[in-house]
């Protein structure tokens, strides 16, 4: 009986340990700055709206966020790039993204709030932005404004996978 109780207690501790890892954010080292990001939470909220955003994207031939943009972030520009991408999503995308489904509205609001929190942390870092990084973000804005605002927001939400994959890659670099 004692061994069974001990075994159950160990399993419970292991389960709680795994759950606490999910609940806590990961510290990302961005150049000379550190921020806490809950990528698992971002993924959860995004997965609730992803299919709706992708299905509603009528501009198939247009790409706002290419994976190469994320890969080509120059050394020392990660903090700045993330700051500018978050600003783009908070100010341009989420404020213009609309869904008729209440669950999607809650999830997009939760994503926007999470981005605001990360952005607030990054703002304390005083990231230095190079010309190349600014040009990259300017080209993102230029492609965005070529589309009707609601359609552009829909596309940008559908392409959030690219941002989340990049963040998860940063997380892996930080922890290896």
Foldseek 3Di string as FASTA:
>chain_A
DVVVVVVVVVVVVVVVVVVVVLVFFFWFCQQPAIFTANLSLLVVLLVQCQVVLVVLQPCVVDDLDDLVLLVPQDPQCRLVLLLLVLCCCLVQQLVQEDDPDPSNVVSSVVNSVSSVRRNVRSVVVPRDHDPVSVVSSVSSVVSLVVDDRHSSSSNVSNVCVSVSVSVVVSSVVRVD
